[in-house]
PDB file of N, CA and C in Angstrom:
ATOM      1  N   MET A   1      22.926-180.081-126.671  1.00  0.00           N
ATOM      2  CA  MET A   1      23.263-180.724-126.098  1.00  0.00           C
ATOM      3  C   MET A   1      23.071-180.265-124.803  1.00  0.00           C
ATOM      4  N   GLU A   2      21.590-180.374-124.565  1.00  0.00           N
ATOM      5  CA  GLU A   2      21.676-179.871-122.030  1.00  0.00           C
ATOM      6  C   GLU A   2      22.476-180.350-120.940  1.00  0.00           C
ATOM      7  N   PHE A   3      22.930-179.252-120.599  1.00  0.00           N
ATOM      8  CA  PHE A   3      23.920-179.546-119.626  1.00  0.00           C
ATOM      9  C   PHE A   3      23.782-179.061-118.561  1.00  0.00           C
ATOM     10  N   SER A   4      23.304-178.386-116.790  1.00  0.00           N
ATOM     11  CA  SER A   4      23.572-178.038-115.743  1.00  0.00           C
ATOM     12  C   SER A   4      24.836-177.427-115.527  1.00  0.00           C
ATOM     13  N   LEU A   5      25.587-176.791-114.899  1.00  0.00           N
ATOM     14  CA  LEU A   5      27.224-176.921-113.971  1.00  0.00           C
ATOM     15  C   LEU A   5      26.508-178.012-112.724  1.00  0.00           C
ATOM     16  N   GLU A   6      25.862-178.164-112.427  1.00  0.00           N
ATOM     17  CA  GLU A   6      26.096-179.741-111.355  1.00  0.00           C
ATOM     18  C   GLU A   6      26.191-181.042-112.276  1.00  0.00           C
ATOM     19  N   CYS A   7      24.819-180.747-113.183  1.00  0.00           N
ATOM     20  CA  CYS A   7      25.060-181.691-114.086  1.00  0.00           C
ATOM     21  C   CYS A   7      27.188-182.290-114.480  1.00  0.00           C
ATOM     22  N   ILE A   8      26.977-181.301-115.380  1.00  0.00           N
ATOM     23  CA  ILE A   8      28.202-181.323-115.711  1.00  0.00           C
ATOM     24  C   ILE A   8      29.411-181.204-114.039  1.00  0.00           C
ATOM     25  N   ARG A   9      29.982-181.006-113.185  1.00  0.00           N
ATOM     26  CA  ARG A   9      30.130-181.234-112.162  1.00  0.00           C
ATOM     27  C   ARG A   9      30.646-182.729-111.128  1.00  0.00           C
ATOM     28  N   LYS A  10      29.461-183.173-111.144  1.00  0.00           N
ATOM     29  CA  LYS A  10      29.403-184.199-111.271  1.00  0.00           C
ATOM     30  C   LYS A  10      30.048-185.396-111.678  1.00  0.00           C
ATOM     31  N   GLU A  11      29.883-184.673-113.537  1.00  0.00           N
ATOM     32  CA  GLU A  11      30.438-186.204-114.417  1.00  0.00           C
ATOM     33  C   GLU A  11      31.379-185.396-115.175  1.00  0.00           C
ATOM     34  N   LEU A  12      32.943-184.994-114.082  1.00  0.00           N
ATOM     35  CA  LEU A  12      33.871-184.695-114.341  1.00  0.00           C
ATOM     36  C   LEU A  12      33.697-184.116-113.171  1.00  0.00           C
ATOM     37  N   GLU A  13      34.814-185.672-112.529  1.00  0.00           N
ATOM     38  CA  GLU A  13      35.367-185.437-111.083  1.00  0.00           C
ATOM     39  C   GLU A  13      36.563-184.304-110.735  1.00  0.00           C
ATOM     40  N   THR A  14      37.473-184.016-112.344  1.00  0.00           N
ATOM     41  CA  THR A  14      38.441-182.724-112.261  1.00  0.00           C
ATOM     42  C   THR A  14      37.877-181.488-111.419  1.00  0.00           C
ATOM     43  N   TYR A  15      36.946-181.041-111.177  1.00  0.00           N
ATOM     44  CA  TYR A  15      35.803-180.048-110.830  1.00  0.00           C
ATOM     45  C   TYR A  15      35.110-180.229-109.885  1.00  0.00           C
ATOM     46  N   PRO A  16      35.545-180.297-108.498  1.00  0.00           N
ATOM     47  CA  PRO A  16      35.495-179.977-107.879  1.00  0.00           C
ATOM     48  C   PRO A  16      33.723-179.781-107.011  1.00  0.00           C
ATOM     49  N   ARG A  17      34.521-178.352-107.257  1.00  0.00           N
ATOM     50  CA  ARG A  17      33.528-176.620-107.387  1.00  0.00           C
ATOM     51  C   ARG A  17      32.841-175.883-108.697  1.00  0.00           C
ATOM     52  N   ILE A  18      31.658-175.765-108.115  1.00  0.00           N
ATOM     53  CA  ILE A  18      31.201-175.035-109.233  1.00  0.00           C
ATOM     54  C   ILE A  18      31.405-174.101-110.064  1.00  0.00           C
ATOM     55  N   VAL A  19      32.812-172.954-109.045  1.00  0.00           N
ATOM     56  CA  VAL A  19      33.350-171.696-109.529  1.00  0.00           C
ATOM     57  C   VAL A  19      34.787-172.878-111.117  1.00  0.00           C
ATOM     58  N   ASP A  20      35.085-174.125-109.975  1.00  0.00           N
ATOM     59  CA  ASP A  20      36.299-174.972-111.126  1.00  0.00           C
ATOM     60  C   ASP A  20      35.338-175.227-112.815  1.00  0.00           C
ATOM     61  N   VAL A  21      34.191-175.750-112.579  1.00  0.00           N
ATOM     62  CA  VAL A  21      33.203-175.593-113.087  1.00  0.00           C
ATOM     63  C   VAL A  21      33.289-175.174-114.605  1.00  0.00           C
ATOM     64  N   LYS A  22      32.823-173.456-114.102  1.00  0.00           N
ATOM     65  CA  LYS A  22      32.852-172.039-114.576  1.00  0.00           C
ATOM     66  C   LYS A  22      33.791-171.637-115.536  1.00  0.00           C
ATOM     67  N   ARG A  23      35.121-171.317-114.721  1.00  0.00           N
ATOM     68  CA  ARG A  23      35.973-171.393-115.030  1.00  0.00           C
ATOM     69  C   ARG A  23      36.576-172.505-117.019  1.00  0.00           C
ATOM     70  N   TRP A  24      36.133-173.343-116.680  1.00  0.00           N
ATOM     71  CA  TRP A  24      36.993-174.828-117.104  1.00  0.00           C
ATOM     72  C   TRP A  24      35.677-174.475-118.596  1.00  0.00           C
ATOM     73  N   LEU A  25      34.738-173.694-118.750  1.00  0.00           N
ATOM     74  CA  LEU A  25      33.643-172.853-120.056  1.00  0.00           C
ATOM     75  C   LEU A  25      33.856-172.323-119.783  1.00  0.00           C
ATOM     76  N   TYR A  26      34.463-171.090-119.582  1.00  0.00           N
ATOM     77  CA  TYR A  26      35.364-169.999-119.872  1.00  0.00           C
ATOM     78  C   TYR A  26      36.065-169.680-120.567  1.00  0.00           C
ATOM     79  N   ASN A  27      36.859-170.998-120.206  1.00  0.00           N
ATOM     80  CA  ASN A  27      38.406-171.791-121.724  1.00  0.00           C
ATOM     81  C   ASN A  27      37.478-171.706-122.337  1.00  0.00           C
ATOM     82  N   LEU A  28      36.921-173.436-122.286  1.00  0.00           N
ATOM     83  CA  LEU A  28      36.321-173.969-123.242  1.00  0.00           C
ATOM     84  C   LEU A  28      36.120-172.597-124.589  1.00  0.00           C
ATOM     85  N   LYS A  29      35.264-171.153-123.914  1.00  0.00           N
ATOM     86  CA  LYS A  29      34.420-170.697-124.914  1.00  0.00           C
ATOM     87  C   LYS A  29      35.742-169.695-125.567  1.00  0.00           C
ATOM     88  N   GLU A  30      36.682-169.525-124.984  1.00  0.00           N
ATOM     89  CA  GLU A  30      37.432-167.948-125.868  1.00  0.00           C
ATOM     90  C   GLU A  30      38.463-169.071-125.965  1.00  0.00           C
ATOM     91  N   SER A  31      38.910-170.274-125.970  1.00  0.00           N
ATOM     92  CA  SER A  31      39.217-171.152-127.502  1.00  0.00           C
ATOM     93  C   SER A  31      38.571-172.088-128.778  1.00  0.00           C
ATOM     94  N   GLY A  32      37.519-171.226-128.071  1.00  0.00           N
ATOM     95  CA  GLY A  32      36.233-171.629-129.608  1.00  0.00           C
ATOM     96  C   GLY A  32      35.943-173.564-129.719  1.00  0.00           C
ATOM     97  N   ASP A  33      36.625-174.129-128.379  1.00  0.00           N
ATOM     98  CA  ASP A  33      36.282-175.719-129.592  1.00  0.00           C
ATOM     99  C   ASP A  33      34.808-175.681-128.203  1.00  0.00           C
ATOM    100  N   GLY A  34      34.227-175.856-127.240  1.00  0.00           N
ATOM    101  CA  GLY A  34      32.660-174.863-127.603  1.00  0.00           C
ATOM    102  C   GLY A  34      32.232-173.466-127.078  1.00  0.00           C
ATOM    103  N   PHE A  35      30.792-174.689-127.077  1.00  0.00           N
ATOM    104  CA  PHE A  35      30.379-172.577-127.225  1.00  0.00           C
ATOM    105  C   PHE A  35      29.230-172.768-126.558  1.00  0.00           C
ATOM    106  N   TYR A  36      28.225-171.332-125.031  1.00  0.00           N
ATOM    107  CA  TYR A  36      27.049-172.001-124.680  1.00  0.00           C
ATOM    108  C   TYR A  36      26.924-170.046-124.868  1.00  0.00           C
ATOM    109  N   GLN A  37      25.164-169.834-125.200  1.00  0.00           N
ATOM    110  CA  GLN A  37      25.177-168.558-125.132  1.00  0.00           C
ATOM    111  C   GLN A  37      25.282-167.498-124.013  1.00  0.00           C
ATOM    112  N   LYS A  38      24.197-168.758-122.663  1.00  0.00           N
ATOM    113  CA  LYS A  38      24.506-167.365-121.031  1.00  0.00           C
ATOM    114  C   LYS A  38      25.794-166.969-120.717  1.00  0.00           C
ATOM    115  N   ASN A  39      25.035-165.710-119.987  1.00  0.00           N
ATOM    116  CA  ASN A  39      26.506-165.764-119.120  1.00  0.00           C
ATOM    117  C   ASN A  39      26.840-166.729-117.783  1.00  0.00           C
ATOM    118  N   ILE A  40      27.909-167.346-117.828  1.00  0.00           N
ATOM    119  CA  ILE A  40      28.188-168.848-117.279  1.00  0.00           C
ATOM    120  C   ILE A  40      28.293-168.377-116.337  1.00  0.00           C
ATOM    121  N   PHE A  41      28.881-167.093-115.666  1.00  0.00           N
ATOM    122  CA  PHE A  41      29.559-166.305-114.016  1.00  0.00           C
ATOM    123  C   PHE A  41      28.139-165.888-113.763  1.00  0.00           C
ATOM    124  N   CYS A  42      27.186-166.763-114.514  1.00  0.00           N
ATOM    125  CA  CYS A  42      25.657-165.454-114.082  1.00  0.00           C
ATOM    126  C   CYS A  42      24.377-166.548-113.634  1.00  0.00           C
ATOM    127  N   ILE A  43      25.007-167.934-114.309  1.00  0.00           N
ATOM    128  CA  ILE A  43      23.760-168.771-114.167  1.00  0.00           C
ATOM    129  C   ILE A  43      24.000-169.873-112.314  1.00  0.00           C
ATOM    130  N   ASP A  44      21.918-169.654-112.681  1.00  0.00           N
ATOM    131  CA  ASP A  44      22.044-170.938-111.487  1.00  0.00           C
ATOM    132  C   ASP A  44      23.187-172.775-111.775  1.00  0.00           C
ATOM    133  N   PRO A  45      23.060-172.850-111.325  1.00  0.00           N
ATOM    134  CA  PRO A  45      23.826-174.334-110.892  1.00  0.00           C
ATOM    135  C   PRO A  45      23.315-175.519-111.410  1.00  0.00           C
ATOM    136  N   ASN A  46      21.714-175.239-111.035  1.00  0.00           N
ATOM    137  CA  ASN A  46      20.576-176.094-111.711  1.00  0.00           C
ATOM    138  C   ASN A  46      20.294-175.662-112.790  1.00  0.00           C
ATOM    139  N   ASP A  47      20.424-175.286-113.604  1.00  0.00           N
ATOM    140  CA  ASP A  47      20.169-174.083-114.553  1.00  0.00           C
ATOM    141  C   ASP A  47      20.387-175.072-115.684  1.00  0.00           C
ATOM    142  N   TYR A  48      19.691-175.447-116.284  1.00  0.00           N
ATOM    143  CA  TYR A  48      19.692-176.163-117.437  1.00  0.00           C
ATOM    144  C   TYR A  48      20.250-175.251-119.646  1.00  0.00           C
ATOM    145  N   PHE A  49      21.332-175.503-120.039  1.00  0.00           N
ATOM    146  CA  PHE A  49      21.572-174.927-121.059  1.00  0.00           C
ATOM    147  C   PHE A  49      21.905-175.675-122.170  1.00  0.00           C
ATOM    148  N   ASP A  50      21.901-175.009-123.249  1.00  0.00           N
ATOM    149  CA  ASP A  50      23.137-175.697-124.802  1.00  0.00           C
ATOM    150  C   ASP A  50      23.969-175.613-124.809  1.00  0.00           C
ATOM    151  N   LEU A  51      24.496-176.786-124.842  1.00  0.00           N
ATOM    152  CA  LEU A  51      26.824-175.924-124.497  1.00  0.00           C
ATOM    153  C   LEU A  51      27.219-177.257-125.879  1.00  0.00           C
ATOM    154  N   TYR A  52      27.612-176.888-126.971  1.00  0.00           N
ATOM    155  CA  TYR A  52      28.303-177.672-128.238  1.00  0.00           C
ATOM    156  C   TYR A  52      29.687-177.778-128.142  1.00  0.00           C
ATOM    157  N   PHE A  53      30.225-178.438-128.907  1.00  0.00           N
ATOM    158  CA  PHE A  53      31.121-179.574-128.316  1.00  0.00           C
ATOM    159  C   PHE A  53      31.824-178.365-130.421  1.00  0.00           C
ATOM    160  N   TYR A  54      33.463-178.558-130.774  1.00  0.00           N
ATOM    161  CA  TYR A  54      33.168-178.043-132.293  1.00  0.00           C
ATOM    162  C   TYR A  54      33.917-179.008-132.956  1.00  0.00           C
ATOM    163  N   VAL A  55      33.680-180.563-132.436  1.00  0.00           N
ATOM    164  CA  VAL A  55      33.882-182.265-132.997  1.00  0.00           C
ATOM    165  C   VAL A  55      32.510-182.171-133.379  1.00  0.00           C
ATOM    166  N   ALA A  56      31.537-182.600-132.675  1.00  0.00           N
ATOM    167  CA  ALA A  56      30.683-182.000-133.326  1.00  0.00           C
ATOM    168  C   ALA A  56      29.203-181.935-132.456  1.00  0.00           C
ATOM    169  N   PRO A  57      28.073-182.233-132.714  1.00  0.00           N
ATOM    170  CA  PRO A  57      26.417-182.053-132.380  1.00  0.00           C
ATOM    171  C   PRO A  57      26.150-183.096-131.220  1.00  0.00           C
ATOM    172  N   GLY A  58      26.309-182.991-129.492  1.00  0.00           N
ATOM    173  CA  GLY A  58      25.460-184.408-129.109  1.00  0.00           C
ATOM    174  C   GLY A  58      24.351-184.795-129.864  1.00  0.00           C
ATOM    175  N   GLU A  59      23.802-185.636-129.724  1.00  0.00           N
ATOM    176  CA  GLU A  59      22.801-186.723-129.647  1.00  0.00           C
ATOM    177  C   GLU A  59      21.365-186.018-130.256  1.00  0.00           C
ATOM    178  N   GLN A  60      21.578-185.239-128.989  1.00  0.00           N
ATOM    179  CA  GLN A  60      19.944-184.212-128.992  1.00  0.00           C
ATOM    180  C   GLN A  60      19.922-182.870-129.076  1.00  0.00           C
ATOM    181  N   SER A  61      21.190-181.990-129.527  1.00  0.00           N
ATOM    182  CA  SER A  61      21.964-181.453-129.879  1.00  0.00           C
ATOM    183  C   SER A  61      20.977-179.939-130.168  1.00  0.00           C
ATOM    184  N   SER A  62      20.145-178.873-129.630  1.00  0.00           N
ATOM    185  CA  SER A  62      19.605-177.973-130.483  1.00  0.00           C
ATOM    186  C   SER A  62      20.658-177.515-131.629  1.00  0.00           C
ATOM    187  N   ILE A  63      19.088-177.481-132.657  1.00  0.00           N
ATOM    188  CA  ILE A  63      20.547-176.965-133.695  1.00  0.00           C
ATOM    189  C   ILE A  63      20.698-175.170-133.860  1.00  0.00           C
ATOM    190  N   ASN A  64      20.997-174.770-133.231  1.00  0.00           N
ATOM    191  CA  ASN A  64      20.291-173.300-132.894  1.00  0.00           C
ATOM    192  C   ASN A  64      22.550-173.018-133.339  1.00  0.00           C
ATOM    193  N   ALA A  65      23.311-173.569-133.392  1.00  0.00           N
ATOM    194  CA  ALA A  65      24.779-173.746-133.386  1.00  0.00           C
ATOM    195  C   ALA A  65      25.790-173.989-134.006  1.00  0.00           C
ATOM    196  N   PHE A  66      26.889-173.368-134.266  1.00  0.00           N
ATOM    197  CA  PHE A  66      28.123-174.338-135.305  1.00  0.00           C
ATOM    198  C   PHE A  66      29.456-173.848-135.376  1.00  0.00           C
ATOM    199  N   PRO A  67      30.472-174.502-135.452  1.00  0.00           N
ATOM    200  CA  PRO A  67      31.853-173.702-135.856  1.00  0.00           C
ATOM    201  C   PRO A  67      32.122-173.791-137.284  1.00  0.00           C
ATOM    202  N   ILE A  68      33.437-172.770-137.161  1.00  0.00           N
ATOM    203  CA  ILE A  68      33.896-172.470-138.690  1.00  0.00           C
ATOM    204  C   ILE A  68      35.404-172.595-138.187  1.00  0.00           C
ATOM    205  N   PRO A  69      35.967-173.519-138.440  1.00  0.00           N
ATOM    206  CA  PRO A  69      37.959-172.530-137.454  1.00  0.00           C
ATOM    207  C   PRO A  69      37.933-171.253-138.247  1.00  0.00           C
ATOM    208  N   THR A  70      38.502-170.586-137.396  1.00  0.00           N
ATOM    209  CA  THR A  70      38.702-169.190-137.079  1.00  0.00           C
ATOM    210  C   THR A  70      39.417-168.722-138.196  1.00  0.00           C
ATOM    211  N   SER A  71      41.046-169.516-138.816  1.00  0.00           N
ATOM    212  CA  SER A  71      41.843-168.686-139.899  1.00  0.00           C
ATOM    213  C   SER A  71      41.523-169.564-140.724  1.00  0.00           C
ATOM    214  N   ILE A  72      40.418-170.105-141.480  1.00  0.00           N
ATOM    215  CA  ILE A  72      39.452-170.351-142.272  1.00  0.00           C
ATOM    216  C   ILE A  72      38.823-168.863-142.504  1.00  0.00           C
ATOM    217  N   LEU A  73      38.189-168.573-141.923  1.00  0.00           N
ATOM    218  CA  LEU A  73      37.904-167.247-142.041  1.00  0.00           C
ATOM    219  C   LEU A  73      37.650-165.799-142.448  1.00  0.00           C
ATOM    220  N   ILE A  74      39.289-166.409-141.492  1.00  0.00           N
ATOM    221  CA  ILE A  74      39.862-165.458-142.462  1.00  0.00           C
ATOM    222  C   ILE A  74      40.761-164.859-143.424  1.00  0.00           C
ATOM    223  N   GLU A  75      41.111-166.434-143.653  1.00  0.00           N
ATOM    224  CA  GLU A  75      42.051-166.642-144.688  1.00  0.00           C
ATOM    225  C   GLU A  75      41.307-166.967-146.106  1.00  0.00           C
ATOM    226  N   SER A  76      40.333-167.285-145.464  1.00  0.00           N
ATOM    227  CA  SER A  76      39.761-167.473-147.426  1.00  0.00           C
ATOM    228  C   SER A  76      38.129-165.992-147.911  1.00  0.00           C
ATOM    229  N   ASP A  77      38.577-166.311-149.396  1.00  0.00           N
ATOM    230  CA  ASP A  77      38.125-165.124-150.213  1.00  0.00           C
ATOM    231  C   ASP A  77      36.761-165.423-150.141  1.00  0.00           C
ATOM    232  N   LEU A  78      35.830-166.177-150.170  1.00  0.00           N
ATOM    233  CA  LEU A  78      34.899-166.892-150.169  1.00  0.00           C
ATOM    234  C   LEU A  78      33.738-166.311-148.927  1.00  0.00           C
ATOM    235  N   PRO A  79      32.960-166.382-150.543  1.00  0.00           N
ATOM    236  CA  PRO A  79      31.495-165.193-148.712  1.00  0.00           C
ATOM    237  C   PRO A  79      30.866-165.637-147.650  1.00  0.00           C
ATOM    238  N   TYR A  80      31.020-165.269-146.466  1.00  0.00           N
ATOM    239  CA  TYR A  80      30.054-165.817-146.240  1.00  0.00           C
ATOM    240  C   TYR A  80      29.601-166.804-145.997  1.00  0.00           C
ATOM    241  N   SER A  81      28.314-166.430-145.747  1.00  0.00           N
ATOM    242  CA  SER A  81      27.510-167.539-146.715  1.00  0.00           C
ATOM    243  C   SER A  81      28.093-168.982-147.147  1.00  0.00           C
ATOM    244  N   VAL A  82      28.960-168.428-148.784  1.00  0.00           N
ATOM    245  CA  VAL A  82      29.506-170.772-149.084  1.00  0.00           C
ATOM    246  C   VAL A  82      29.672-171.344-147.897  1.00  0.00           C
ATOM    247  N   LEU A  83      30.219-170.279-146.850  1.00  0.00           N
ATOM    248  CA  LEU A  83      31.300-170.968-145.916  1.00  0.00           C
ATOM    249  C   LEU A  83      29.974-171.622-144.774  1.00  0.00           C
ATOM    250  N   MET A  84      29.977-170.543-144.289  1.00  0.00           N
ATOM    251  CA  MET A  84      28.573-170.931-143.334  1.00  0.00           C
ATOM    252  C   MET A  84      27.641-172.924-143.348  1.00  0.00           C
ATOM    253  N   LYS A  85      27.004-172.221-145.326  1.00  0.00           N
ATOM    254  CA  LYS A  85      26.696-173.473-145.706  1.00  0.00           C
ATOM    255  C   LYS A  85      27.941-174.979-145.448  1.00  0.00           C
ATOM    256  N   LYS A  86      28.741-174.807-145.893  1.00  0.00           N
ATOM    257  CA  LYS A  86      29.621-175.885-145.730  1.00  0.00           C
ATOM    258  C   LYS A  86      29.736-176.325-144.403  1.00  0.00           C
ATOM    259  N   TYR A  87      29.859-175.523-143.581  1.00  0.00           N
ATOM    260  CA  TYR A  87      30.933-175.468-142.178  1.00  0.00           C
ATOM    261  C   TYR A  87      29.260-176.898-141.343  1.00  0.00           C
ATOM    262  N   PHE A  88      27.742-175.697-141.721  1.00  0.00           N
ATOM    263  CA  PHE A  88      27.167-175.723-141.142  1.00  0.00           C
ATOM    264  C   PHE A  88      26.517-177.951-141.497  1.00  0.00           C
ATOM    265  N   PHE A  89      26.991-177.464-142.971  1.00  0.00           N
ATOM    266  CA  PHE A  89      26.743-179.871-143.229  1.00  0.00           C
ATOM    267  C   PHE A  89      27.190-180.324-142.840  1.00  0.00           C
ATOM    268  N   ARG A  90      28.945-180.200-142.783  1.00  0.00           N
ATOM    269  CA  ARG A  90      29.620-180.941-142.450  1.00  0.00           C
ATOM    270  C   ARG A  90      29.413-180.386-140.558  1.00  0.00           C
ATOM    271  N   TYR A  91      28.944-180.409-139.922  1.00  0.00           N
ATOM    272  CA  TYR A  91      29.681-180.063-138.486  1.00  0.00           C
ATOM    273  C   TYR A  91      27.323-181.170-138.068  1.00  0.00           C
ATOM    274  N   TYR A  92      26.161-180.939-138.647  1.00  0.00           N
ATOM    275  CA  TYR A  92      25.602-180.982-138.339  1.00  0.00           C
ATOM    276  C   TYR A  92      24.477-182.771-139.785  1.00  0.00           C
ATOM    277  N   GLN A  93      25.122-182.409-140.904  1.00  0.00           N
ATOM    278  CA  GLN A  93      25.180-183.514-142.210  1.00  0.00           C
ATOM    279  C   GLN A  93      24.190-183.610-142.875  1.00  0.00           C
ATOM    280  N   ARG A  94      23.197-181.977-142.295  1.00  0.00           N
ATOM    281  CA  ARG A  94      22.107-181.432-143.108  1.00  0.00           C
ATOM    282  C   ARG A  94      22.647-179.838-143.994  1.00  0.00           C
ATOM    283  N   ASP A  95      21.573-180.003-145.212  1.00  0.00           N
ATOM    284  CA  ASP A  95      22.521-178.494-145.687  1.00  0.00           C
ATOM    285  C   ASP A  95      21.703-177.558-144.630  1.00  0.00           C
ATOM    286  N   LEU A  96      22.532-176.224-145.331  1.00  0.00           N
ATOM    287  CA  LEU A  96      22.499-175.143-144.622  1.00  0.00           C
ATOM    288  C   LEU A  96      21.117-174.483-145.143  1.00  0.00           C
ATOM    289  N   LYS A  97      19.705-173.837-145.561  1.00  0.00           N
ATOM    290  CA  LYS A  97      19.021-173.520-146.780  1.00  0.00           C
ATOM    291  C   LYS A  97      19.446-172.051-146.428  1.00  0.00           C
ATOM    292  N   ASP A  98      19.706-171.199-148.489  1.00  0.00           N
ATOM    293  CA  ASP A  98      19.848-169.966-148.024  1.00  0.00           C
ATOM    294  C   ASP A  98      18.638-168.939-147.494  1.00  0.00           C
ATOM    295  N   GLU A  99      17.828-168.934-147.137  1.00  0.00           N
ATOM    296  CA  GLU A  99      16.514-168.436-146.568  1.00  0.00           C
ATOM    297  C   GLU A  99      16.903-168.535-145.476  1.00  0.00           C
ATOM    298  N   GLN A 100      18.061-169.663-144.518  1.00  0.00           N
ATOM    299  CA  GLN A 100      18.163-169.958-143.321  1.00  0.00           C
ATOM    300  C   GLN A 100      19.413-168.942-142.198  1.00  0.00           C
ATOM    301  N   VAL A 101      20.408-168.972-144.074  1.00  0.00           N
ATOM    302  CA  VAL A 101      21.490-168.366-143.362  1.00  0.00           C
ATOM    303  C   VAL A 101      21.814-166.873-143.165  1.00  0.00           C
ATOM    304  N   PRO A 102      20.225-165.447-142.697  1.00  0.00           N
ATOM    305  CA  PRO A 102      20.342-164.864-142.032  1.00  0.00           C
ATOM    306  C   PRO A 102      20.726-164.798-140.298  1.00  0.00           C
ATOM    307  N   TYR A 103      19.964-165.600-140.646  1.00  0.00           N
ATOM    308  CA  TYR A 103      18.687-166.378-139.109  1.00  0.00           C
ATOM    309  C   TYR A 103      20.649-166.167-138.622  1.00  0.00           C
ATOM    310  N   TYR A 104      20.983-166.595-138.816  1.00  0.00           N
ATOM    311  CA  TYR A 104      23.242-167.279-137.835  1.00  0.00           C
ATOM    312  C   TYR A 104      23.570-165.186-137.902  1.00  0.00           C
ATOM    313  N   PHE A 105      22.803-164.102-138.865  1.00  0.00           N
ATOM    314  CA  PHE A 105      24.118-162.832-138.633  1.00  0.00           C
ATOM    315  C   PHE A 105      23.344-162.435-137.667  1.00  0.00           C
ATOM    316  N   ILE A 106      21.989-162.346-137.098  1.00  0.00           N
ATOM    317  CA  ILE A 106      20.772-161.914-136.300  1.00  0.00           C
ATOM    318  C   ILE A 106      22.347-161.219-135.101  1.00  0.00           C
ATOM    319  N   LYS A 107      22.551-162.924-134.383  1.00  0.00           N
ATOM    320  CA  LYS A 107      23.376-162.094-133.481  1.00  0.00           C
ATOM    321  C   LYS A 107      24.986-161.923-134.165  1.00  0.00           C
ATOM    322  N   GLU A 108      26.198-161.865-133.173  1.00  0.00           N
ATOM    323  CA  GLU A 108      27.433-161.545-133.399  1.00  0.00           C
ATOM    324  C   GLU A 108      27.839-163.512-133.899  1.00  0.00           C
ATOM    325  N   ALA A 109      28.947-163.757-134.108  1.00  0.00           N
ATOM    326  CA  ALA A 109      29.425-164.189-133.909  1.00  0.00           C
ATOM    327  C   ALA A 109      30.097-164.239-132.909  1.00  0.00           C
ATOM    328  N   HIS A 110      30.806-165.587-132.234  1.00  0.00           N
ATOM    329  CA  HIS A 110      31.601-165.288-130.447  1.00  0.00           C
ATOM    330  C   HIS A 110      32.695-165.775-131.845  1.00  0.00           C
ATOM    331  N   VAL A 111      33.474-165.349-131.607  1.00  0.00           N
ATOM    332  CA  VAL A 111      34.797-165.441-132.201  1.00  0.00           C
ATOM    333  C   VAL A 111      36.411-165.808-131.405  1.00  0.00           C
ATOM    334  N   GLY A 112      36.306-166.898-131.161  1.00  0.00           N
ATOM    335  CA  GLY A 112      37.451-168.405-130.437  1.00  0.00           C
ATOM    336  C   GLY A 112      38.672-167.425-131.356  1.00  0.00           C
ATOM    337  N   LYS A 113      39.626-168.047-129.713  1.00  0.00           N
ATOM    338  CA  LYS A 113      41.337-168.674-130.684  1.00  0.00           C
ATOM    339  C   LYS A 113      40.904-169.702-132.281  1.00  0.00           C
ATOM    340  N   GLU A 114      40.406-171.147-131.597  1.00  0.00           N
ATOM    341  CA  GLU A 114      40.022-172.143-132.773  1.00  0.00           C
ATOM    342  C   GLU A 114      38.862-172.547-133.620  1.00  0.00           C
ATOM    343  N   TYR A 115      37.789-171.670-132.692  1.00  0.00           N
ATOM    344  CA  TYR A 115      36.746-171.405-133.554  1.00  0.00           C
ATOM    345  C   TYR A 115      35.730-170.629-133.732  1.00  0.00           C
ATOM    346  N   THR A 116      35.396-170.192-134.543  1.00  0.00           N
ATOM    347  CA  THR A 116      34.118-169.551-134.651  1.00  0.00           C
ATOM    348  C   THR A 116      33.166-169.831-134.507  1.00  0.00           C
ATOM    349  N   TRP A 117      31.871-169.354-133.552  1.00  0.00           N
ATOM    350  CA  TRP A 117      30.558-169.966-132.944  1.00  0.00           C
ATOM    351  C   TRP A 117      29.734-168.681-134.132  1.00  0.00           C
ATOM    352  N   PHE A 118      29.550-169.762-134.668  1.00  0.00           N
ATOM    353  CA  PHE A 118      28.218-168.883-135.105  1.00  0.00           C
ATOM    354  C   PHE A 118      26.754-169.790-134.586  1.00  0.00           C
ATOM    355  N   PHE A 119      24.989-168.592-134.538  1.00  0.00           N
ATOM    356  CA  PHE A 119      24.597-168.443-133.366  1.00  0.00           C
ATOM    357  C   PHE A 119      23.329-167.782-133.683  1.00  0.00           C
ATOM    358  N   GLN A 120      22.682-168.550-133.719  1.00  0.00           N
ATOM    359  CA  GLN A 120      20.898-167.910-133.585  1.00  0.00           C
ATOM    360  C   GLN A 120      19.969-168.165-132.666  1.00  0.00           C
TER     361      GLN A 120
END
């Protein structure tokens, strides 16, 4: 779902300054509980960007990123393509086709403490 830093600041009253919102987003991404592609420290407060949360995508989210628990990636003997299809379906409730899998390998995955995000 698309958000701006200013929108988040207004919505979350616990972060009165943009720098506090940026710090919160940075920590969210480092833990893997959330994901965004842009460099949060260089973004203008009114620029919109896609923000994903590990629980579920927003109703109007772009289908560009999904999480897999980091511990499962480390411990599983299954091929990445099998894990990707499984967790893509869990997140979006739709299938990831075989021909779509390589698009999520174009960029490096973002490895967070709890979740690793694959994105295109």
